[in-house]
Amino acid sequence: MSDLNKTILFSTDVTDGNDQEFVVEFYQCLIDDLPEKFPYKITKNFDELIDFFEEIES
């Protein structure tokens, strides 16, 4: 993940219910703090989110 810019924007979407799923979209800001058009990464549950955090830490 060394190519990942330090500036990351994210958006979330949580649905009603007990399914324990959610969507977090991460966007990379490249030029003048404008986000890319398409998400850099999409996570759909807690395990994917934690895996992504661990990936960008290394």
PDB file of N, CA and C in Angstrom:
ATOM      1  N   MET A   1       0.808  -1.189   0.000  1.00  0.00           N
ATOM      2  CA  MET A   1       0.000   0.000   0.000  1.00  0.00           C
ATOM      3  C   MET A   1       0.853   1.256   0.000  1.00  0.00           C
ATOM      4  N   SER A   2       2.067   1.175  -0.368  1.00  0.00           N
ATOM      5  CA  SER A   2       2.916   2.346  -0.318  1.00  0.00           C
ATOM      6  C   SER A   2       2.479   3.439  -1.278  1.00  0.00           C
ATOM      7  N   ASP A   3       1.659   3.107  -2.288  1.00  0.00           N
ATOM      8  CA  ASP A   3       1.183   4.116  -3.225  1.00  0.00           C
ATOM      9  C   ASP A   3      -0.042   4.864  -2.716  1.00  0.00           C
ATOM     10  N   LEU A   4      -0.590   4.452  -1.581  1.00  0.00           N
ATOM     11  CA  LEU A   4      -1.780   5.088  -1.030  1.00  0.00           C
ATOM     12  C   LEU A   4      -1.407   6.423  -0.414  1.00  0.00           C
ATOM     13  N   ASN A   5      -2.059   7.458  -0.888  1.00  0.00           N
ATOM     14  CA  ASN A   5      -1.830   8.801  -0.362  1.00  0.00           C
ATOM     15  C   ASN A   5      -2.254   8.842   1.101  1.00  0.00           C
ATOM     16  N   LYS A   6      -1.664   9.720   1.868  1.00  0.00           N
ATOM     17  CA  LYS A   6      -1.998   9.842   3.289  1.00  0.00           C
ATOM     18  C   LYS A   6      -3.398  10.405   3.503  1.00  0.00           C
ATOM     19  N   THR A   7      -3.944  11.120   2.530  1.00  0.00           N
ATOM     20  CA  THR A   7      -5.265  11.708   2.661  1.00  0.00           C
ATOM     21  C   THR A   7      -6.310  10.763   2.090  1.00  0.00           C
ATOM     22  N   ILE A   8      -7.192  10.302   2.955  1.00  0.00           N
ATOM     23  CA  ILE A   8      -8.238   9.366   2.549  1.00  0.00           C
ATOM     24  C   ILE A   8      -9.577   9.919   3.016  1.00  0.00           C
ATOM     25  N   LEU A   9     -10.534   9.973   2.126  1.00  0.00           N
ATOM     26  CA  LEU A   9     -11.908  10.324   2.474  1.00  0.00           C
ATOM     27  C   LEU A   9     -12.707   9.034   2.541  1.00  0.00           C
ATOM     28  N   PHE A  10     -13.753   9.021   3.338  1.00  0.00           N
ATOM     29  CA  PHE A  10     -14.588   7.836   3.370  1.00  0.00           C
ATOM     30  C   PHE A  10     -16.047   8.224   3.511  1.00  0.00           C
ATOM     31  N   SER A  11     -16.907   7.328   3.025  1.00  0.00           N
ATOM     32  CA  SER A  11     -18.342   7.491   3.220  1.00  0.00           C
ATOM     33  C   SER A  11     -18.884   6.170   3.734  1.00  0.00           C
ATOM     34  N   THR A  12     -19.980   6.231   4.463  1.00  0.00           N
ATOM     35  CA  THR A  12     -20.571   5.013   5.014  1.00  0.00           C
ATOM     36  C   THR A  12     -22.034   4.906   4.614  1.00  0.00           C
ATOM     37  N   ASP A  13     -22.516   3.674   4.594  1.00  0.00           N
ATOM     38  CA  ASP A  13     -23.923   3.396   4.347  1.00  0.00           C
ATOM     39  C   ASP A  13     -24.313   2.235   5.245  1.00  0.00           C
ATOM     40  N   VAL A  14     -25.239   2.485   6.153  1.00  0.00           N
ATOM     41  CA  VAL A  14     -25.690   1.457   7.086  1.00  0.00           C
ATOM     42  C   VAL A  14     -27.175   1.248   6.862  1.00  0.00           C
ATOM     43  N   THR A  15     -27.567  -0.022   6.715  1.00  0.00           N
ATOM     44  CA  THR A  15     -28.980  -0.332   6.500  1.00  0.00           C
ATOM     45  C   THR A  15     -29.646  -0.699   7.810  1.00  0.00           C
ATOM     46  N   ASP A  16     -30.948  -0.519   7.867  1.00  0.00           N
ATOM     47  CA  ASP A  16     -31.710  -0.955   9.033  1.00  0.00           C
ATOM     48  C   ASP A  16     -31.737  -2.478   9.062  1.00  0.00           C
ATOM     49  N   GLY A  17     -31.710  -3.022  10.246  1.00  0.00           N
ATOM     50  CA  GLY A  17     -31.788  -4.473  10.368  1.00  0.00           C
ATOM     51  C   GLY A  17     -30.691  -5.013  11.252  1.00  0.00           C
ATOM     52  N   ASN A  18     -30.662  -6.305  11.356  1.00  0.00           N
ATOM     53  CA  ASN A  18     -29.713  -6.968  12.244  1.00  0.00           C
ATOM     54  C   ASN A  18     -28.682  -7.781  11.490  1.00  0.00           C
ATOM     55  N   ASP A  19     -28.418  -7.456  10.234  1.00  0.00           N
ATOM     56  CA  ASP A  19     -27.536  -8.288   9.421  1.00  0.00           C
ATOM     57  C   ASP A  19     -26.055  -8.029   9.656  1.00  0.00           C
ATOM     58  N   GLN A  20     -25.691  -7.039  10.479  1.00  0.00           N
ATOM     59  CA  GLN A  20     -24.302  -6.743  10.821  1.00  0.00           C
ATOM     60  C   GLN A  20     -23.451  -6.363   9.610  1.00  0.00           C
ATOM     61  N   GLU A  21     -24.053  -5.940   8.516  1.00  0.00           N
ATOM     62  CA  GLU A  21     -23.280  -5.524   7.352  1.00  0.00           C
ATOM     63  C   GLU A  21     -23.420  -4.025   7.147  1.00  0.00           C
ATOM     64  N   PHE A  22     -22.380  -3.439   6.609  1.00  0.00           N
ATOM     65  CA  PHE A  22     -22.353  -2.018   6.307  1.00  0.00           C
ATOM     66  C   PHE A  22     -21.382  -1.819   5.157  1.00  0.00           C
ATOM     67  N   VAL A  23     -21.426  -0.665   4.549  1.00  0.00           N
ATOM     68  CA  VAL A  23     -20.521  -0.362   3.439  1.00  0.00           C
ATOM     69  C   VAL A  23     -19.719   0.881   3.809  1.00  0.00           C
ATOM     70  N   VAL A  24     -18.397   0.787   3.683  1.00  0.00           N
ATOM     71  CA  VAL A  24     -17.518   1.939   3.854  1.00  0.00           C
ATOM     72  C   VAL A  24     -16.714   2.058   2.572  1.00  0.00           C
ATOM     73  N   GLU A  25     -16.806   3.202   1.919  1.00  0.00           N
ATOM     74  CA  GLU A  25     -16.054   3.453   0.689  1.00  0.00           C
ATOM     75  C   GLU A  25     -14.934   4.437   1.006  1.00  0.00           C
ATOM     76  N   PHE A  26     -13.717   4.085   0.604  1.00  0.00           N
ATOM     77  CA  PHE A  26     -12.550   4.937   0.828  1.00  0.00           C
ATOM     78  C   PHE A  26     -12.126   5.540  -0.500  1.00  0.00           C
ATOM     79  N   TYR A  27     -11.931   6.848  -0.506  1.00  0.00           N
ATOM     80  CA  TYR A  27     -11.489   7.573  -1.700  1.00  0.00           C
ATOM     81  C   TYR A  27     -10.140   8.194  -1.420  1.00  0.00           C
ATOM     82  N   GLN A  28      -9.280   8.151  -2.393  1.00  0.00           N
ATOM     83  CA  GLN A  28      -7.954   8.741  -2.279  1.00  0.00           C
ATOM     84  C   GLN A  28      -7.989  10.156  -2.851  1.00  0.00           C
ATOM     85  N   CYS A  29      -7.438  11.121  -2.125  1.00  0.00           N
ATOM     86  CA  CYS A  29      -7.327  12.497  -2.612  1.00  0.00           C
ATOM     87  C   CYS A  29      -5.970  12.653  -3.274  1.00  0.00           C
ATOM     88  N   LEU A  30      -5.961  12.992  -4.536  1.00  0.00           N
ATOM     89  CA  LEU A  30      -4.709  13.037  -5.275  1.00  0.00           C
ATOM     90  C   LEU A  30      -4.235  14.448  -5.574  1.00  0.00           C
ATOM     91  N   ILE A  31      -5.094  15.284  -6.113  1.00  0.00           N
ATOM     92  CA  ILE A  31      -4.685  16.622  -6.541  1.00  0.00           C
ATOM     93  C   ILE A  31      -5.596  17.652  -5.878  1.00  0.00           C
ATOM     94  N   ASP A  32      -4.987  18.590  -5.184  1.00  0.00           N
ATOM     95  CA  ASP A  32      -5.740  19.689  -4.557  1.00  0.00           C
ATOM     96  C   ASP A  32      -6.882  19.197  -3.682  1.00  0.00           C
ATOM     97  N   ASP A  33      -6.681  18.081  -3.010  1.00  0.00           N
ATOM     98  CA  ASP A  33      -7.674  17.516  -2.096  1.00  0.00           C
ATOM     99  C   ASP A  33      -9.003  17.167  -2.765  1.00  0.00           C
ATOM    100  N   LEU A  34      -8.980  16.929  -4.068  1.00  0.00           N
ATOM    101  CA  LEU A  34     -10.182  16.466  -4.752  1.00  0.00           C
ATOM    102  C   LEU A  34     -10.152  14.943  -4.803  1.00  0.00           C
ATOM    103  N   PRO A  35     -11.212  14.287  -4.367  1.00  0.00           N
ATOM    104  CA  PRO A  35     -11.189  12.822  -4.362  1.00  0.00           C
ATOM    105  C   PRO A  35     -11.288  12.245  -5.770  1.00  0.00           C
ATOM    106  N   GLU A  36     -10.774  11.025  -5.912  1.00  0.00           N
ATOM    107  CA  GLU A  36     -10.933  10.306  -7.168  1.00  0.00           C
ATOM    108  C   GLU A  36     -12.408  10.054  -7.404  1.00  0.00           C
ATOM    109  N   LYS A  37     -12.749   9.753  -8.642  1.00  0.00           N
ATOM    110  CA  LYS A  37     -14.140   9.519  -8.999  1.00  0.00           C
ATOM    111  C   LYS A  37     -14.654   8.174  -8.464  1.00  0.00           C
ATOM    112  N   PHE A  38     -13.770   7.188  -8.422  1.00  0.00           N
ATOM    113  CA  PHE A  38     -14.165   5.845  -7.990  1.00  0.00           C
ATOM    114  C   PHE A  38     -13.452   5.491  -6.692  1.00  0.00           C
ATOM    115  N   PRO A  39     -14.098   4.723  -5.823  1.00  0.00           N
ATOM    116  CA  PRO A  39     -13.479   4.386  -4.549  1.00  0.00           C
ATOM    117  C   PRO A  39     -12.190   3.587  -4.721  1.00  0.00           C
ATOM    118  N   TYR A  40     -11.235   3.848  -3.847  1.00  0.00           N
ATOM    119  CA  TYR A  40      -9.986   3.097  -3.821  1.00  0.00           C
ATOM    120  C   TYR A  40     -10.240   1.711  -3.231  1.00  0.00           C
ATOM    121  N   LYS A  41     -11.121   1.656  -2.229  1.00  0.00           N
ATOM    122  CA  LYS A  41     -11.427   0.396  -1.549  1.00  0.00           C
ATOM    123  C   LYS A  41     -12.841   0.468  -1.017  1.00  0.00           C
ATOM    124  N   ILE A  42     -13.567  -0.652  -1.090  1.00  0.00           N
ATOM    125  CA  ILE A  42     -14.907  -0.766  -0.518  1.00  0.00           C
ATOM    126  C   ILE A  42     -14.889  -1.926   0.463  1.00  0.00           C
ATOM    127  N   THR A  43     -15.318  -1.680   1.687  1.00  0.00           N
ATOM    128  CA  THR A  43     -15.448  -2.756   2.664  1.00  0.00           C
ATOM    129  C   THR A  43     -16.923  -2.928   2.991  1.00  0.00           C
ATOM    130  N   LYS A  44     -17.329  -4.179   3.186  1.00  0.00           N
ATOM    131  CA  LYS A  44     -18.750  -4.461   3.397  1.00  0.00           C
ATOM    132  C   LYS A  44     -19.060  -5.101   4.740  1.00  0.00           C
ATOM    133  N   ASN A  45     -18.025  -5.350   5.538  1.00  0.00           N
ATOM    134  CA  ASN A  45     -18.259  -5.878   6.876  1.00  0.00           C
ATOM    135  C   ASN A  45     -17.061  -5.549   7.753  1.00  0.00           C
ATOM    136  N   PHE A  46     -17.183  -5.856   9.015  1.00  0.00           N
ATOM    137  CA  PHE A  46     -16.156  -5.477   9.986  1.00  0.00           C
ATOM    138  C   PHE A  46     -14.812  -6.142   9.679  1.00  0.00           C
ATOM    139  N   ASP A  47     -14.818  -7.410   9.296  1.00  0.00           N
ATOM    140  CA  ASP A  47     -13.568  -8.117   9.000  1.00  0.00           C
ATOM    141  C   ASP A  47     -12.814  -7.470   7.846  1.00  0.00           C
ATOM    142  N   GLU A  48     -13.515  -7.104   6.775  1.00  0.00           N
ATOM    143  CA  GLU A  48     -12.874  -6.436   5.637  1.00  0.00           C
ATOM    144  C   GLU A  48     -12.318  -5.080   6.052  1.00  0.00           C
ATOM    145  N   LEU A  49     -13.039  -4.369   6.894  1.00  0.00           N
ATOM    146  CA  LEU A  49     -12.595  -3.056   7.362  1.00  0.00           C
ATOM    147  C   LEU A  49     -11.301  -3.179   8.176  1.00  0.00           C
ATOM    148  N   ILE A  50     -11.255  -4.126   9.101  1.00  0.00           N
ATOM    149  CA  ILE A  50     -10.056  -4.344   9.912  1.00  0.00           C
ATOM    150  C   ILE A  50      -8.889  -4.776   9.031  1.00  0.00           C
ATOM    151  N   ASP A  51      -9.134  -5.675   8.072  1.00  0.00           N
ATOM    152  CA  ASP A  51      -8.078  -6.109   7.151  1.00  0.00           C
ATOM    153  C   ASP A  51      -7.500  -4.919   6.372  1.00  0.00           C
ATOM    154  N   PHE A  52      -8.357  -4.007   5.947  1.00  0.00           N
ATOM    155  CA  PHE A  52      -7.892  -2.836   5.198  1.00  0.00           C
ATOM    156  C   PHE A  52      -7.039  -1.935   6.084  1.00  0.00           C
ATOM    157  N   PHE A  53      -7.483  -1.709   7.324  1.00  0.00           N
ATOM    158  CA  PHE A  53      -6.698  -0.892   8.255  1.00  0.00           C
ATOM    159  C   PHE A  53      -5.325  -1.506   8.490  1.00  0.00           C
ATOM    160  N   GLU A  54      -5.280  -2.811   8.666  1.00  0.00           N
ATOM    161  CA  GLU A  54      -3.996  -3.482   8.867  1.00  0.00           C
ATOM    162  C   GLU A  54      -3.116  -3.377   7.615  1.00  0.00           C
ATOM    163  N   GLU A  55      -3.728  -3.430   6.447  1.00  0.00           N
ATOM    164  CA  GLU A  55      -2.996  -3.329   5.196  1.00  0.00           C
ATOM    165  C   GLU A  55      -2.353  -1.948   5.024  1.00  0.00           C
ATOM    166  N   ILE A  56      -3.069  -0.889   5.378  1.00  0.00           N
ATOM    167  CA  ILE A  56      -2.501   0.445   5.184  1.00  0.00           C
ATOM    168  C   ILE A  56      -1.504   0.806   6.281  1.00  0.00           C
ATOM    169  N   GLU A  57      -1.513   0.108   7.401  1.00  0.00           N
ATOM    170  CA  GLU A  57      -0.540   0.353   8.461  1.00  0.00           C
ATOM    171  C   GLU A  57       0.839  -0.162   8.084  1.00  0.00           C
ATOM    172  N   SER A  58       0.904  -1.198   7.268  1.00  0.00           N
ATOM    173  CA  SER A  58       2.207  -1.794   6.959  1.00  0.00           C
ATOM    174  C   SER A  58       2.897  -1.099   5.812  1.00  0.00           C
TER     175      SER A  58
END
